[in-house]
Amino acid sequence: MSVLDWLTSPPPDVAVEIDRGHVGAARVEWRGGRPVVAAHAVEALPPGAVTPALAASNMPDVGVVGQAVARALGQLGGRKHRIALVVPDTVAKVSLIRLENVPPRAADLREIVRWQVRKGAPFPVEQAVLSVSPGAPAAAGGREFVVALAREDVIRQYEQACAMAGAHAGIVDLATFGVLNSVVAAGGASAGDWLLVHVADTRITLAVMRGEHLIFFRHRSEESEGTLADLVHQTAMYYEDRLNGTGIARVWLAGMAPTGEADHVRRDLEERLRARVEQVDPRAAADLVDRISATPELVDALAPLVGVLRRSGRAA
């Protein structure tokens, strides 16, 4: 995953996140060569309005979600015709695919990747939207690619909710990818291997990065069995046995505002991985205007929004 430069069109300055319990929105401006969160909003969703899932409808009534998006965008000010949209990790299957020979044409690359993911896809690939991003170079001269596969009709529901609010989702990204980009944009990517633990109300996602390249991605939904400690243990074993891991240099924790529970999780991670654990703070990637009070909950909410906007563009 090349986490910063991938667009040639003018980037949006507004991002919207739609998850099970809320719609979040933020507007980022460049002032004096620095990105600044100029406005933000969070609107609660009624129970059942969004049910993040890979292979089933996520919104029984898209209009209800669209109204929440409109209310959130209405609090930001400015023009918001084109936005970046952040969706839950659980709407997509993320895979890492290694190719020994990379075709020069993007269309050929997509066809090769589409053929490779066909067998393991949980639904017909003809019904899917496919994202292919460069990953880490392979030692033998090939390259890995980060592939995200989602059902087209599911993504369309999220896009339609934004369209009902008068906004076009020019970019769609997963929440954890947004948080990863927030860490990278803030200069938090270690030269070696590092881990992001992203906790949300519907899922836990672990992502291992090698510098600025994704080398492992796994999420567990709320219906799955096992604890966060189990997931970390399984990830650590896979990292050591299959990824030639020599040690996690740094751990970032997101989605858990500092509490007694978060402190307990942090201590467990430090003991298990023998690495420094820090809270993701998007203020290192984009300043806040003076009138915005940086509560721990707001810091968590802004991380994926700031990340997707920092990924999509820089100062002119």
Protein backbone atom coordinates (compact mmCIF):
# COMPACT_ATOMS: atom_id res chain seq x y z
CA MET A 1 0.00 0.00 0.00
CA SER A 2 1.51 3.29 -1.08
CA VAL A 3 -0.11 5.37 1.58
CA LEU A 4 0.26 8.98 0.48
CA ASP A 5 0.52 9.70 -3.27
CA TRP A 6 -2.04 8.15 -5.59
CA LEU A 7 -4.36 10.82 -6.98
CA THR A 8 -3.83 13.20 -9.89
CA SER A 9 -7.19 14.99 -9.66
CA PRO A 10 -7.72 17.83 -7.14
CA PRO A 11 -8.15 16.21 -3.73
CA PRO A 12 -11.21 16.78 -1.56
CA ASP A 13 -10.94 18.74 1.67
CA VAL A 14 -13.91 17.04 3.39
CA ALA A 15 -14.12 13.47 4.65
CA VAL A 16 -17.13 11.53 5.93
CA GLU A 17 -17.07 8.30 7.93
CA ILE A 18 -20.16 6.11 8.15
CA ASP A 19 -20.13 3.37 10.77
CA ARG A 20 -22.72 1.45 12.75
CA GLY A 21 -23.43 4.06 15.40
CA HIS A 22 -22.46 7.38 13.86
CA VAL A 23 -21.60 9.59 10.95
CA GLY A 24 -18.45 11.64 11.38
CA ALA A 25 -17.23 14.47 9.15
CA ALA A 26 -14.24 16.78 9.05
CA ARG A 27 -12.89 19.54 6.82
CA VAL A 28 -9.13 20.04 6.48
CA GLU A 29 -7.59 23.25 5.13
CA TRP A 30 -4.01 24.26 4.43
CA ARG A 31 -2.88 27.34 6.34
CA GLY A 32 0.67 28.59 6.18
CA GLY A 33 1.83 25.31 4.68
CA ARG A 34 0.23 23.23 7.46
CA PRO A 35 -2.94 21.10 7.30
CA VAL A 36 -5.56 22.20 9.82
CA VAL A 37 -8.85 20.61 10.88
CA ALA A 38 -11.09 23.63 10.43
CA ALA A 39 -14.41 21.97 11.34
CA HIS A 40 -15.82 18.65 12.41
CA ALA A 41 -19.15 17.06 13.30
CA VAL A 42 -20.53 13.79 14.63
CA GLU A 43 -24.13 12.66 14.19
CA ALA A 44 -25.52 9.61 16.00
CA LEU A 45 -27.36 6.96 14.01
CA PRO A 46 -30.39 5.07 15.32
CA PRO A 47 -29.88 1.38 16.15
CA GLY A 48 -29.96 -0.79 13.06
CA ALA A 49 -29.43 2.07 10.59
CA VAL A 50 -26.07 0.60 9.54
CA THR A 51 -25.01 -3.02 9.96
CA PRO A 52 -21.50 -3.37 8.52
CA ALA A 53 -21.19 -6.67 6.67
CA LEU A 54 -19.25 -8.15 3.78
CA ALA A 55 -21.91 -10.04 1.87
CA ALA A 56 -25.26 -8.53 2.91
CA SER A 57 -27.11 -5.25 2.68
CA ASN A 58 -25.70 -2.76 5.20
CA MET A 59 -28.54 -0.21 5.29
CA PRO A 60 -32.23 -1.11 5.46
CA ASP A 61 -33.09 2.57 4.87
CA VAL A 62 -30.39 4.55 3.07
CA GLY A 63 -32.45 7.72 3.49
CA VAL A 64 -32.03 7.66 7.28
CA VAL A 65 -28.27 7.53 6.89
CA GLY A 66 -28.36 10.19 4.18
CA GLN A 67 -30.16 12.56 6.55
CA ALA A 68 -27.43 12.06 9.16
CA VAL A 69 -24.74 12.72 6.54
CA ALA A 70 -26.54 15.93 5.52
CA ARG A 71 -26.72 17.12 9.14
CA ALA A 72 -23.02 16.42 9.68
CA LEU A 73 -21.97 18.15 6.46
CA GLY A 74 -24.22 21.10 7.25
CA GLN A 75 -22.10 21.83 10.34
CA LEU A 76 -18.82 22.09 8.40
CA GLY A 77 -19.47 25.14 6.24
CA GLY A 78 -17.90 25.69 2.83
CA ARG A 79 -18.50 23.68 -0.34
CA LYS A 80 -18.72 19.91 -0.02
CA HIS A 81 -19.61 18.58 -3.47
CA ARG A 82 -16.72 16.09 -3.59
CA ILE A 83 -15.70 14.19 -0.48
CA ALA A 84 -13.58 11.29 0.73
CA LEU A 85 -15.71 8.51 2.21
CA VAL A 86 -14.53 6.19 5.00
CA VAL A 87 -16.37 2.88 5.43
CA PRO A 88 -16.04 0.07 8.02
CA ASP A 89 -13.28 -2.50 7.54
CA THR A 90 -15.84 -5.30 7.60
CA VAL A 91 -17.39 -4.32 4.24
CA ALA A 92 -14.27 -5.50 2.38
CA LYS A 93 -11.94 -8.46 2.20
CA VAL A 94 -8.31 -7.34 2.22
CA SER A 95 -5.65 -9.62 0.73
CA LEU A 96 -1.94 -9.38 0.04
CA ILE A 97 -1.00 -10.86 -3.34
CA ARG A 98 2.56 -11.34 -4.56
CA LEU A 99 3.38 -11.21 -8.27
CA GLU A 100 6.76 -12.28 -9.58
CA ASN A 101 6.19 -10.44 -12.85
CA VAL A 102 4.21 -7.21 -12.82
CA PRO A 103 2.58 -6.27 -16.14
CA PRO A 104 3.28 -2.70 -17.30
CA ARG A 105 -0.38 -1.91 -18.07
CA ALA A 106 -2.71 -1.19 -15.14
CA ALA A 107 -5.61 -2.92 -16.91
CA ASP A 108 -3.59 -6.12 -17.26
CA LEU A 109 -2.58 -5.96 -13.60
CA ARG A 110 -6.21 -5.68 -12.50
CA GLU A 111 -7.21 -8.66 -14.63
CA ILE A 112 -4.42 -10.81 -13.17
CA VAL A 113 -5.38 -9.80 -9.63
CA ARG A 114 -9.08 -10.35 -10.33
CA TRP A 115 -8.32 -13.86 -11.57
CA GLN A 116 -6.21 -14.63 -8.49
CA VAL A 117 -8.85 -13.49 -5.96
CA ARG A 118 -11.75 -15.17 -7.76
CA LYS A 119 -11.41 -18.53 -6.00
CA GLY A 120 -11.31 -17.11 -2.47
CA ALA A 121 -13.90 -14.39 -2.98
CA PRO A 122 -17.01 -14.72 -0.75
CA PHE A 123 -19.19 -13.60 -3.67
CA PRO A 124 -18.86 -13.57 -7.48
CA VAL A 125 -16.11 -11.15 -8.51
CA GLU A 126 -18.44 -9.87 -11.23
CA GLN A 127 -20.43 -8.29 -8.38
CA ALA A 128 -17.36 -6.74 -6.77
CA VAL A 129 -15.46 -3.48 -6.76
CA LEU A 130 -11.71 -4.06 -6.64
CA SER A 131 -8.95 -1.82 -5.34
CA VAL A 132 -5.31 -2.67 -6.10
CA SER A 133 -2.48 -0.70 -4.44
CA PRO A 134 1.30 -1.29 -4.57
CA GLY A 135 2.68 -3.06 -1.51
CA ALA A 136 6.17 -3.99 -0.40
CA PRO A 137 8.78 -4.97 -3.01
CA ALA A 138 9.53 -8.70 -2.97
CA ALA A 139 13.07 -9.86 -2.29
CA ALA A 140 13.29 -11.77 -5.58
CA GLY A 141 12.31 -8.78 -7.68
CA GLY A 142 8.52 -9.13 -7.73
CA ARG A 143 6.05 -7.06 -5.76
CA GLU A 144 3.19 -7.46 -3.33
CA PHE A 145 -0.13 -5.74 -3.90
CA VAL A 146 -2.78 -4.78 -1.37
CA VAL A 147 -6.16 -5.86 -2.73
CA ALA A 148 -9.48 -4.79 -1.26
CA LEU A 149 -12.59 -6.57 -2.54
CA ALA A 150 -16.12 -5.41 -1.69
CA ARG A 151 -19.58 -6.04 -3.04
CA GLU A 152 -20.52 -3.25 -5.42
CA ASP A 153 -24.09 -2.94 -4.15
CA VAL A 154 -22.84 -2.57 -0.56
CA ILE A 155 -20.45 0.25 -1.46
CA ARG A 156 -23.20 1.88 -3.50
CA GLN A 157 -25.35 2.14 -0.37
CA TYR A 158 -22.68 4.21 1.38
CA GLU A 159 -22.16 6.35 -1.73
CA GLN A 160 -25.90 6.82 -2.14
CA ALA A 161 -26.24 8.07 1.45
CA CYS A 162 -23.66 10.75 0.63
CA ALA A 163 -25.36 11.57 -2.69
CA MET A 164 -28.62 12.17 -0.85
CA ALA A 165 -26.74 14.82 1.15
CA GLY A 166 -25.50 16.46 -2.06
CA ALA A 167 -21.98 15.03 -1.88
CA HIS A 168 -20.09 12.84 -4.34
CA ALA A 169 -17.74 10.25 -2.84
CA GLY A 170 -14.73 10.61 -5.11
CA ILE A 171 -12.60 8.45 -2.81
CA VAL A 172 -13.71 5.44 -0.76
CA ASP A 173 -11.36 3.93 1.81
CA LEU A 174 -11.45 1.61 4.80
CA ALA A 175 -11.35 3.05 8.32
CA THR A 176 -8.11 1.30 9.32
CA PHE A 177 -6.39 2.42 6.12
CA GLY A 178 -7.34 5.96 7.11
CA VAL A 179 -5.80 5.53 10.55
CA LEU A 180 -2.63 4.06 9.03
CA ASN A 181 -2.35 7.08 6.77
CA SER A 182 -2.80 9.37 9.75
CA VAL A 183 0.15 7.69 11.49
CA VAL A 184 2.32 7.87 8.36
CA ALA A 185 1.43 11.51 7.64
CA ALA A 186 2.42 12.36 11.22
CA GLY A 187 5.83 10.75 10.77
CA GLY A 188 4.95 7.82 13.03
CA ALA A 189 5.98 5.06 10.62
CA SER A 190 9.03 3.32 12.05
CA ALA A 191 11.86 2.36 9.72
CA GLY A 192 11.33 -1.24 10.83
CA ASP A 193 8.11 -3.15 11.49
CA TRP A 194 5.24 -1.61 13.43
CA LEU A 195 1.73 -2.58 14.42
CA LEU A 196 -1.59 -0.75 14.48
CA VAL A 197 -4.34 -2.05 16.76
CA HIS A 198 -7.60 -0.38 15.74
CA VAL A 199 -10.59 -1.02 18.00
CA ALA A 200 -14.08 -0.01 16.82
CA ASP A 201 -17.56 -0.79 18.06
CA THR A 202 -18.07 -3.52 15.45
CA ARG A 203 -14.58 -4.91 14.98
CA ILE A 204 -10.93 -5.13 15.96
CA THR A 205 -8.35 -4.74 13.20
CA LEU A 206 -4.63 -5.46 13.35
CA ALA A 207 -2.29 -4.20 10.64
CA VAL A 208 1.45 -4.81 10.50
CA MET A 209 3.50 -2.34 8.49
CA ARG A 210 7.07 -2.60 7.23
CA GLY A 211 8.01 1.06 7.00
CA GLU A 212 5.21 2.51 4.87
CA HIS A 213 4.12 -0.82 3.37
CA LEU A 214 1.34 -3.07 4.65
CA ILE A 215 2.48 -6.67 5.18
CA PHE A 216 -0.39 -8.06 7.30
CA PHE A 217 -4.07 -7.15 7.74
CA ARG A 218 -6.70 -8.95 9.77
CA HIS A 219 -9.94 -7.94 11.43
CA ARG A 220 -12.31 -9.70 13.77
CA SER A 221 -15.98 -8.76 13.85
CA GLU A 222 -17.98 -8.59 17.04
CA GLU A 223 -19.64 -11.93 16.25
CA SER A 224 -16.30 -13.76 16.16
CA GLU A 225 -14.98 -15.65 19.13
CA GLY A 226 -11.78 -14.75 20.91
CA THR A 227 -10.38 -11.73 22.71
CA LEU A 228 -8.05 -8.97 21.61
CA ALA A 229 -5.25 -10.80 23.42
CA ASP A 230 -6.00 -13.92 21.33
CA LEU A 231 -5.90 -11.92 18.12
CA VAL A 232 -2.61 -10.25 19.06
CA HIS A 233 -1.09 -13.62 19.96
CA GLN A 234 -2.16 -15.18 16.65
CA THR A 235 -0.85 -12.18 14.74
CA ALA A 236 2.49 -12.28 16.56
CA MET A 237 2.90 -15.98 15.77
CA TYR A 238 2.09 -15.46 12.10
CA TYR A 239 4.43 -12.46 11.96
CA GLU A 240 7.33 -14.44 13.38
CA ASP A 241 6.72 -17.69 11.48
CA ARG A 242 5.49 -16.51 8.06
CA LEU A 243 6.66 -12.92 7.62
CA ASN A 244 10.24 -13.36 8.84
CA GLY A 245 9.51 -10.86 11.56
CA THR A 246 12.48 -9.74 13.60
CA GLY A 247 10.50 -7.71 16.09
CA ILE A 248 7.79 -5.06 16.29
CA ALA A 249 9.52 -1.74 16.93
CA ARG A 250 6.42 0.30 17.74
CA VAL A 251 2.72 -0.24 18.42
CA TRP A 252 -0.03 2.28 17.77
CA LEU A 253 -3.43 1.99 19.46
CA ALA A 254 -6.52 3.66 17.97
CA GLY A 255 -10.22 3.70 18.74
CA MET A 256 -9.85 3.37 22.50
CA ALA A 257 -9.93 6.74 24.20
CA PRO A 258 -7.61 6.71 27.24
CA THR A 259 -9.47 4.86 30.00
CA GLY A 260 -8.73 2.17 32.54
CA GLU A 261 -9.53 -0.44 29.89
CA ALA A 262 -7.22 1.22 27.37
CA ASP A 263 -4.42 1.28 29.93
CA HIS A 264 -4.94 -2.43 30.55
CA VAL A 265 -4.80 -3.15 26.81
CA ARG A 266 -1.67 -1.03 26.48
CA ARG A 267 0.12 -2.90 29.28
CA ASP A 268 -0.85 -6.26 27.77
CA LEU A 269 0.47 -5.22 24.37
CA GLU A 270 3.73 -3.94 25.80
CA GLU A 271 4.25 -7.13 27.78
CA ARG A 272 3.41 -9.42 24.87
CA LEU A 273 5.26 -7.57 22.11
CA ARG A 274 7.99 -5.89 24.17
CA ALA A 275 7.43 -2.68 22.24
CA ARG A 276 6.41 0.86 23.06
CA VAL A 277 2.64 1.40 22.72
CA GLU A 278 1.30 4.86 21.86
CA GLN A 279 -2.12 6.32 21.16
CA VAL A 280 -2.76 7.50 17.60
CA ASP A 281 -3.13 11.28 17.67
CA PRO A 282 -4.13 12.86 14.32
CA ARG A 283 -3.12 16.30 15.61
CA ALA A 284 0.42 15.37 14.60
CA ALA A 285 -0.88 15.07 11.01
CA ALA A 286 -3.25 18.07 11.06
CA ASP A 287 -3.54 20.86 13.62
CA LEU A 288 -6.86 21.79 15.19
CA VAL A 289 -8.24 25.31 15.07
CA ASP A 290 -8.34 26.97 18.48
CA ARG A 291 -12.09 26.63 18.94
CA ILE A 292 -11.97 22.82 18.71
CA SER A 293 -11.47 21.07 22.04
CA ALA A 294 -9.42 17.90 21.59
CA THR A 295 -11.25 15.39 23.76
CA PRO A 296 -9.96 11.79 23.65
CA GLU A 297 -13.15 10.73 21.86
CA LEU A 298 -12.70 13.42 19.21
CA VAL A 299 -9.08 12.42 18.65
CA ASP A 300 -10.21 8.85 17.95
CA ALA A 301 -13.00 10.04 15.63
CA LEU A 302 -10.68 12.29 13.62
CA ALA A 303 -7.93 9.74 13.00
CA PRO A 304 -9.46 7.99 9.93
CA LEU A 305 -10.87 11.27 8.56
CA VAL A 306 -7.57 13.13 8.76
CA GLY A 307 -5.75 10.09 7.37
CA VAL A 308 -7.86 9.75 4.23
CA LEU A 309 -7.55 13.48 3.52
CA ARG A 310 -3.79 13.50 4.08
CA ARG A 311 -3.53 10.48 1.81
CA SER A 312 -5.49 12.17 -0.95
CA GLY A 313 -3.65 15.45 -1.15
CA ARG A 314 -1.01 17.85 0.06
CA ALA A 315 -0.54 21.56 0.02
CA ALA A 316 -0.39 23.11 -3.44
